[in-house]
N, C-alpha and C. Protein backbone atom coordinates (compact mmCIF):
# COMPACT_ATOMS: atom_id res chain seq x y z
N UNK A 1 -13.38 30.61 9.68
CA UNK A 1 -12.71 29.58 8.99
C UNK A 1 -11.75 29.74 8.20
N UNK A 2 -11.26 28.58 7.85
CA UNK A 2 -10.12 28.84 7.03
C UNK A 2 -10.88 28.30 5.65
N UNK A 3 -10.17 28.86 4.82
CA UNK A 3 -10.65 28.28 3.22
C UNK A 3 -10.20 26.69 3.01
N UNK A 4 -9.11 26.23 3.80
CA UNK A 4 -9.02 24.90 3.72
C UNK A 4 -10.03 24.18 4.09
N UNK A 5 -10.63 24.13 5.32
CA UNK A 5 -11.58 23.90 6.01
C UNK A 5 -12.81 23.83 5.12
N UNK A 6 -13.35 24.54 4.50
CA UNK A 6 -14.16 24.79 3.50
C UNK A 6 -13.91 23.92 2.56
N UNK A 7 -12.75 23.85 1.86
CA UNK A 7 -13.22 23.15 0.46
C UNK A 7 -12.90 21.35 1.21
N UNK A 8 -12.67 21.10 2.22
CA UNK A 8 -12.41 19.94 2.56
C UNK A 8 -14.07 19.38 3.34
N UNK A 9 -14.65 20.66 3.57
CA UNK A 9 -16.30 19.99 4.04
C UNK A 9 -17.30 19.94 2.81
N UNK A 10 -16.42 21.13 1.37
CA UNK A 10 -16.90 20.93 0.17
C UNK A 10 -16.71 19.23 -0.43
N UNK A 11 -15.95 19.21 -0.08
CA UNK A 11 -15.24 17.56 -0.80
C UNK A 11 -15.91 16.93 -0.18
N UNK A 12 -16.17 16.78 0.84
CA UNK A 12 -17.43 15.47 1.71
C UNK A 12 -18.93 16.18 1.30
N UNK A 13 -18.87 17.25 1.05
CA UNK A 13 -20.51 17.24 0.66
C UNK A 13 -21.23 17.15 -0.67
N UNK A 14 -19.89 17.02 -1.66
CA UNK A 14 -20.30 17.41 -3.04
C UNK A 14 -20.22 16.01 -3.89
N UNK A 15 -20.39 14.61 -2.39
CA UNK A 15 -20.05 13.35 -2.97
C UNK A 15 -21.74 13.21 -3.15
N UNK A 16 -22.04 12.59 -4.29
CA UNK A 16 -23.18 12.06 -4.60
C UNK A 16 -23.46 10.87 -4.64
N UNK A 17 -24.86 9.99 -3.91
CA UNK A 17 -24.81 8.57 -3.33
C UNK A 17 -25.41 8.08 -4.74
N UNK A 18 -24.74 7.37 -5.37
CA UNK A 18 -25.18 6.85 -6.47
C UNK A 18 -26.50 5.91 -6.27
N UNK A 19 -26.55 5.27 -5.43
CA UNK A 19 -28.14 4.75 -5.11
C UNK A 19 -28.62 5.28 -4.59
N UNK A 20 -28.42 6.42 -3.96
CA UNK A 20 -29.69 7.04 -3.01
C UNK A 20 -29.61 8.56 -3.39
N UNK A 21 -29.89 8.72 -4.48
CA UNK A 21 -30.27 9.97 -5.06
C UNK A 21 -31.29 10.76 -4.90
N UNK A 22 -31.94 10.36 -3.86
CA UNK A 22 -33.29 10.83 -3.36
C UNK A 22 -32.71 11.46 -1.94
N UNK A 23 -31.81 11.16 -1.70
CA UNK A 23 -31.36 11.64 -0.12
C UNK A 23 -30.45 12.33 -0.28
N UNK A 24 -29.77 12.50 -1.55
CA UNK A 24 -28.47 13.70 -2.20
C UNK A 24 -29.73 14.91 -2.39
N UNK A 25 -30.86 14.31 -3.12
CA UNK A 25 -31.49 15.86 -3.56
C UNK A 25 -32.04 16.01 -2.46
N UNK A 26 -32.40 15.55 -1.52
CA UNK A 26 -33.14 16.04 -0.04
C UNK A 26 -32.36 17.06 0.66
N UNK A 27 -30.83 17.12 0.62
CA UNK A 27 -29.65 17.27 1.41
C UNK A 27 -29.61 18.79 0.18
N UNK A 28 -29.88 19.29 -1.06
CA UNK A 28 -29.54 20.17 -1.80
C UNK A 28 -29.94 21.85 -0.70
N UNK A 29 -31.40 21.99 -0.08
CA UNK A 29 -31.78 22.46 0.69
C UNK A 29 -30.51 23.07 1.86
N UNK A 30 -30.31 22.07 2.49
CA UNK A 30 -29.28 22.05 4.12
C UNK A 30 -28.33 22.54 3.48
N UNK A 31 -27.43 22.04 2.15
CA UNK A 31 -26.13 22.21 1.45
C UNK A 31 -26.00 24.02 1.31
N UNK A 32 -27.40 24.42 0.65
CA UNK A 32 -27.45 25.69 0.23
C UNK A 32 -27.42 26.57 1.78
N UNK A 33 -28.15 26.37 2.66
CA UNK A 33 -28.02 27.11 3.75
C UNK A 33 -26.92 27.26 4.19
N UNK A 34 -26.16 25.95 4.35
CA UNK A 34 -24.78 25.79 4.75
C UNK A 34 -23.38 26.88 4.21
N UNK A 35 -23.97 26.85 2.99
CA UNK A 35 -22.82 27.32 2.32
C UNK A 35 -22.98 29.29 2.23
N UNK A 36 -24.78 29.28 1.92
CA UNK A 36 -25.01 30.83 1.77
C UNK A 36 -24.72 31.11 3.68
N UNK A 37 -25.08 30.78 4.47
CA UNK A 37 -24.47 31.34 5.75
C UNK A 37 -23.02 31.99 5.70
N UNK A 38 -22.13 30.98 5.38
CA UNK A 38 -20.58 31.39 5.30
C UNK A 38 -20.62 32.07 4.37
N UNK A 39 -21.06 32.51 3.36
CA UNK A 39 -20.96 33.43 2.29
C UNK A 39 -21.08 34.71 2.58
N UNK A 40 -22.42 34.75 3.63
CA UNK A 40 -22.60 35.87 3.96
C UNK A 40 -21.82 36.20 5.24
N UNK A 41 -21.08 35.62 6.07
CA UNK A 41 -20.03 35.86 7.01
C UNK A 41 -18.55 36.44 6.64
N UNK A 42 -18.33 35.48 5.46
CA UNK A 42 -17.06 36.77 4.64
C UNK A 42 -17.79 37.51 3.93
N UNK A 43 -18.98 37.71 3.36
CA UNK A 43 -18.88 39.60 2.97
C UNK A 43 -19.25 40.02 3.58
N UNK A 44 -19.66 39.79 5.23
CA UNK A 44 -19.92 40.67 6.13
C UNK A 44 -18.37 41.17 6.57
N UNK A 45 -17.41 39.62 6.73
CA UNK A 45 -15.98 40.46 6.87
C UNK A 45 -15.30 41.17 6.05
N UNK A 46 -15.72 41.05 4.82
CA UNK A 46 -14.97 41.85 3.81
C UNK A 46 -15.26 43.05 3.64
N UNK A 47 -16.43 43.60 4.19
CA UNK A 47 -17.11 44.83 4.26
C UNK A 47 -16.56 45.48 5.86
N UNK A 48 -16.16 44.75 6.52
CA UNK A 48 -15.67 45.65 7.73
C UNK A 48 -13.76 45.88 7.38
N UNK A 49 -13.53 44.93 6.95
CA UNK A 49 -11.87 44.93 6.70
C UNK A 49 -12.11 46.10 5.29
N UNK A 50 -13.01 46.51 5.00
CA UNK A 50 -12.56 47.61 3.96
C UNK A 50 -12.79 48.59 4.48
N UNK A 51 -13.46 48.97 5.69
CA UNK A 51 -13.86 50.04 6.15
C UNK A 51 -12.56 50.41 7.69
N UNK A 52 -11.89 48.80 8.05
CA UNK A 52 -10.46 49.44 8.43
C UNK A 52 -9.77 49.61 7.88
N UNK A 53 -9.51 49.39 6.21
CA UNK A 53 -8.42 49.69 5.21
C UNK A 53 -8.84 51.38 5.27
N UNK A 54 -10.46 51.92 5.22
CA UNK A 54 -10.07 53.02 4.97
C UNK A 54 -9.40 54.15 6.06
N UNK A 55 -9.87 53.40 7.47
CA UNK A 55 -9.46 53.85 8.41
C UNK A 55 -7.78 54.00 8.57
N UNK A 56 -7.45 52.83 8.42
CA UNK A 56 -5.69 52.96 8.60
C UNK A 56 -5.23 53.48 7.56
N UNK A 57 -5.70 53.78 6.24
CA UNK A 57 -4.89 54.54 5.12
C UNK A 57 -5.00 55.96 5.59
N UNK A 58 -6.51 56.46 5.99
CA UNK A 58 -6.56 57.97 6.64
C UNK A 58 -5.33 58.02 7.56
N UNK A 59 -5.24 57.28 8.88
CA UNK A 59 -4.20 57.63 10.11
C UNK A 59 -2.74 57.74 8.94
N UNK A 60 -2.62 56.67 8.33
CA UNK A 60 -1.24 56.70 7.48
C UNK A 60 -0.85 57.75 6.74
N UNK A 61 -1.86 58.25 6.48
CA UNK A 61 -1.84 59.34 5.20
C UNK A 61 -1.51 60.67 6.15
N UNK A 62 -2.13 60.52 7.25
CA UNK A 62 -1.95 61.53 8.57
C UNK A 62 -0.60 61.77 8.92
N UNK A 63 0.01 60.58 9.27
CA UNK A 63 1.33 60.19 9.94
C UNK A 63 2.48 60.61 8.67
N UNK A 64 1.92 59.89 7.58
CA UNK A 64 3.02 60.31 6.19
C UNK A 64 3.60 61.98 5.85
N UNK A 65 2.32 62.54 6.26
CA UNK A 65 2.28 63.90 5.61
C UNK A 65 2.49 64.85 6.77
N UNK A 66 2.89 63.96 8.00
CA UNK A 66 2.99 65.17 9.03
C UNK A 66 2.25 65.62 9.71
N UNK A 67 0.94 65.16 9.45
CA UNK A 67 -0.04 66.02 10.20
C UNK A 67 -0.84 65.38 11.37
N UNK A 68 -0.44 64.31 11.83
CA UNK A 68 -0.71 63.45 12.61
C UNK A 68 -0.18 64.21 14.03
N UNK A 69 -0.77 64.11 15.30
CA UNK A 69 -0.60 64.22 16.43
C UNK A 69 0.78 63.61 17.06
N UNK A 70 2.09 64.26 17.15
CA UNK A 70 2.98 63.56 17.51
C UNK A 70 2.83 62.49 18.67
N UNK A 71 2.22 63.23 19.62
CA UNK A 71 1.96 61.76 20.99
C UNK A 71 1.49 60.60 20.34
N UNK A 72 0.66 60.69 19.23
CA UNK A 72 -0.09 59.27 18.60
C UNK A 72 1.05 58.69 18.23
N UNK A 73 2.26 58.83 17.51
CA UNK A 73 3.56 58.17 17.34
C UNK A 73 4.70 58.71 17.97
N UNK A 74 4.64 58.71 19.43
CA UNK A 74 6.00 58.90 19.80
C UNK A 74 7.01 57.61 19.74
N UNK A 75 6.48 56.56 19.59
CA UNK A 75 7.05 55.20 19.63
C UNK A 75 7.33 54.91 18.41
N UNK A 76 6.92 55.63 17.56
CA UNK A 76 7.45 55.35 15.96
C UNK A 76 7.83 56.62 15.35
N UNK A 77 8.53 57.34 15.89
CA UNK A 77 8.93 58.79 15.20
C UNK A 77 9.70 58.85 13.17
N UNK A 78 8.74 59.21 12.36
CA UNK A 78 9.02 59.19 11.35
C UNK A 78 9.59 60.51 10.69
N UNK A 79 11.26 60.64 10.70
CA UNK A 79 12.20 61.47 10.70
C UNK A 79 12.28 62.25 9.12
N UNK A 80 11.50 61.66 8.21
CA UNK A 80 11.74 62.07 7.07
C UNK A 80 10.83 62.88 6.30
N UNK A 81 10.97 64.02 5.26
CA UNK A 81 10.48 64.86 5.03
C UNK A 81 9.41 64.42 3.45
N UNK A 82 8.42 64.03 3.29
CA UNK A 82 7.69 63.58 2.53
C UNK A 82 6.92 65.10 1.47
N UNK A 83 7.56 64.27 0.10
CA UNK A 83 6.20 65.44 -0.37
C UNK A 83 5.08 64.45 -0.72
N UNK A 84 4.02 65.78 -0.89
CA UNK A 84 2.71 65.54 -0.79
C UNK A 84 2.57 64.25 -1.92
N UNK A 85 2.68 64.76 -3.02
CA UNK A 85 2.75 63.78 -3.96
C UNK A 85 3.17 62.15 -3.83
N UNK A 86 4.21 62.24 -2.90
CA UNK A 86 4.71 60.91 -2.31
C UNK A 86 4.09 60.17 -1.41
N UNK A 87 2.95 60.55 -0.51
CA UNK A 87 2.46 60.24 0.31
C UNK A 87 1.91 58.92 -0.02
N UNK A 88 0.93 58.92 -1.12
CA UNK A 88 0.51 57.98 -1.54
C UNK A 88 1.43 56.54 -1.58
N UNK A 89 2.52 57.07 -1.96
CA UNK A 89 3.24 55.68 -2.24
C UNK A 89 3.97 55.13 -0.79
N UNK A 90 4.33 56.01 0.19
CA UNK A 90 4.33 55.44 1.69
C UNK A 90 3.23 54.83 2.47
N UNK A 91 2.10 55.13 1.81
CA UNK A 91 1.22 54.59 2.71
C UNK A 91 0.72 53.03 2.24
N UNK A 92 1.15 53.12 0.72
CA UNK A 92 0.42 51.57 -0.03
C UNK A 92 1.36 50.81 0.57
N UNK A 93 2.79 51.15 0.87
CA UNK A 93 3.59 50.06 1.01
C UNK A 93 3.94 50.04 2.72
N UNK A 94 3.01 50.67 3.20
CA UNK A 94 2.72 50.32 5.07
C UNK A 94 2.68 49.28 5.27
N UNK A 95 3.25 48.45 6.24
CA UNK A 95 3.14 47.17 6.71
C UNK A 95 1.34 46.96 7.36
N UNK A 96 0.84 47.99 7.92
CA UNK A 96 -0.15 48.11 8.48
C UNK A 96 -1.12 47.89 7.51
N UNK A 97 -1.20 48.75 6.35
CA UNK A 97 -1.83 48.70 5.21
C UNK A 97 -1.83 47.37 4.78
N UNK A 98 -0.50 46.73 4.27
CA UNK A 98 -0.72 45.60 3.51
C UNK A 98 -1.13 44.40 4.18
N UNK A 99 -1.24 44.71 5.93
CA UNK A 99 -1.38 43.27 6.11
C UNK A 99 -3.21 43.29 6.15
N UNK A 100 -4.06 44.54 6.25
CA UNK A 100 -5.22 44.51 5.72
C UNK A 100 -5.54 44.02 4.73
N UNK A 101 -4.91 44.69 3.03
CA UNK A 101 -5.10 44.46 2.00
C UNK A 101 -4.61 42.91 1.92
N UNK A 102 -4.02 42.88 2.98
CA UNK A 102 -3.83 40.86 2.87
C UNK A 102 -5.09 39.92 2.95
N UNK A 103 -5.74 40.51 4.15
CA UNK A 103 -6.91 39.82 4.78
C UNK A 103 -8.53 40.31 3.56
N UNK A 104 -8.35 41.56 3.29
CA UNK A 104 -9.01 41.78 2.27
C UNK A 104 -9.05 40.58 0.91
N UNK A 105 -7.66 40.53 0.49
CA UNK A 105 -7.56 39.65 -0.46
C UNK A 105 -8.20 37.99 -0.34
N UNK A 106 -7.67 37.64 0.69
CA UNK A 106 -7.85 36.55 1.43
C UNK A 106 -9.85 36.10 1.42
N UNK A 107 -10.30 37.05 2.15
CA UNK A 107 -11.65 36.98 2.24
C UNK A 107 -12.53 37.17 0.86
N UNK A 108 -11.81 37.73 0.05
CA UNK A 108 -12.26 37.81 -1.78
C UNK A 108 -12.14 36.52 -2.48
N UNK A 109 -10.88 35.52 -1.40
CA UNK A 109 -10.67 34.38 -2.28
C UNK A 109 -11.81 33.87 -1.92
N UNK A 110 -11.79 33.79 -0.62
CA UNK A 110 -12.91 32.32 0.21
C UNK A 110 -14.15 33.03 -0.39
N UNK A 111 -14.95 34.03 -0.56
CA UNK A 111 -16.33 34.45 -0.82
C UNK A 111 -16.25 34.26 -2.60
N UNK A 112 -15.46 33.97 -3.27
CA UNK A 112 -15.21 33.61 -4.55
C UNK A 112 -15.35 32.18 -4.98
N UNK A 113 -14.51 31.13 -3.98
CA UNK A 113 -14.90 29.74 -3.52
C UNK A 113 -16.33 29.87 -3.41
N UNK A 114 -16.64 30.49 -2.18
CA UNK A 114 -17.99 29.93 -1.97
C UNK A 114 -19.04 30.43 -3.00
N UNK A 115 -18.61 31.33 -3.63
CA UNK A 115 -20.01 31.33 -4.86
C UNK A 115 -19.83 30.33 -5.85
N UNK A 116 -18.52 30.07 -6.12
CA UNK A 116 -18.24 29.04 -6.65
C UNK A 116 -19.53 27.13 -6.30
N UNK A 117 -19.00 27.30 -5.34
CA UNK A 117 -19.75 26.02 -4.07
C UNK A 117 -21.08 26.21 -4.22
N UNK A 118 -21.85 27.61 -4.31
CA UNK A 118 -23.00 28.04 -4.34
C UNK A 118 -23.83 27.33 -5.63
N UNK A 119 -22.78 28.06 -6.57
CA UNK A 119 -23.54 27.24 -8.21
C UNK A 119 -23.63 25.90 -8.34
N UNK A 120 -22.45 25.53 -7.82
CA UNK A 120 -22.31 23.96 -8.11
C UNK A 120 -24.13 23.17 -7.28
N UNK A 121 -24.12 23.92 -6.20
CA UNK A 121 -25.35 23.63 -5.11
C UNK A 121 -26.94 23.75 -6.10
N UNK A 122 -26.61 24.96 -6.63
CA UNK A 122 -27.64 25.27 -7.64
C UNK A 122 -28.00 23.91 -8.69
N UNK A 123 -26.65 23.56 -9.53
CA UNK A 123 -26.78 22.96 -10.27
C UNK A 123 -27.03 21.37 -9.93
N UNK A 124 -26.88 21.35 -8.70
CA UNK A 124 -26.84 19.53 -8.47
C UNK A 124 -28.42 18.91 -8.59
N UNK A 125 -29.18 19.68 -8.87
CA UNK A 125 -30.89 19.11 -8.85
C UNK A 125 -30.64 18.34 -10.45
N UNK A 126 -30.11 19.56 -11.35
CA UNK A 126 -29.85 19.50 -12.46
C UNK A 126 -28.90 17.72 -12.76
N UNK A 127 -28.12 18.13 -11.91
CA UNK A 127 -27.02 16.32 -12.18
C UNK A 127 -28.00 15.36 -12.29
N UNK A 128 -28.39 15.45 -10.86
CA UNK A 128 -29.57 13.92 -10.43
C UNK A 128 -30.18 13.80 -11.45
N UNK A 129 -31.02 15.05 -12.08
CA UNK A 129 -31.52 14.79 -13.28
C UNK A 129 -31.05 14.06 -14.33
N UNK A 130 -30.02 14.51 -14.59
CA UNK A 130 -29.39 13.82 -15.69
C UNK A 130 -28.81 12.34 -15.30
N UNK A 131 -28.50 12.35 -14.24
CA UNK A 131 -28.21 10.62 -13.89
C UNK A 131 -28.98 10.04 -14.04
N UNK A 132 -30.32 10.46 -13.66
CA UNK A 132 -31.67 9.23 -13.72
C UNK A 132 -31.94 8.98 -15.10
N UNK A 133 -31.94 10.67 -15.98
CA UNK A 133 -32.20 10.23 -17.37
C UNK A 133 -31.13 9.10 -18.45
N UNK A 134 -29.77 9.08 -17.77
CA UNK A 134 -29.34 8.36 -18.47
C UNK A 134 -29.54 6.57 -17.79
N UNK A 135 -29.65 6.66 -16.79
CA UNK A 135 -30.63 5.16 -16.16
C UNK A 135 -31.47 4.76 -16.57
N UNK A 136 -32.27 5.78 -16.98
CA UNK A 136 -33.48 5.42 -18.09
C UNK A 136 -32.81 4.90 -19.26
N UNK A 137 -32.02 5.32 -20.12
CA UNK A 137 -32.02 5.81 -21.41
C UNK A 137 -31.03 4.36 -21.46
N UNK A 138 -30.01 3.49 -20.56
CA UNK A 138 -29.27 2.84 -20.61
C UNK A 138 -30.02 1.35 -20.43
N UNK A 139 -31.48 1.50 -19.75
CA UNK A 139 -32.49 0.04 -19.36
C UNK A 139 -33.33 0.39 -20.51
N UNK A 140 -33.20 1.25 -21.55
CA UNK A 140 -34.43 1.20 -22.44
C UNK A 140 -35.88 1.80 -22.20
N UNK A 141 -35.48 2.64 -21.17
CA UNK A 141 -37.29 3.15 -20.60
C UNK A 141 -36.98 4.43 -21.17
């Protein structure tokens, strides 16, 4: 699921029906379950991508340090001599590594957004309570 789709869902789910506050209140556990499930999904994807990044960095370190099996990289010959201290720099700008790091950044953004949504869901019952108190105040109760 994409971040824009999650934001679109939240835009619909975050609306409070002024008249039917009880229905909104009843929806709170459902909303929590929906977004906590998405949060868990993206947390697991983040952990998977972190492991993928470790593996690819190791493979690229072997490749750039000249310790990889030549048969594994026949289609990508690397004819440069790289000093040991420069291998990290080569690994950090490698396209495959950057691709996985971008994926990790994206998952982090989604997870952060879901954290914020879940916080708002936790606050929803207080918001409903405040609406009720305000209406009571306005009606002189």
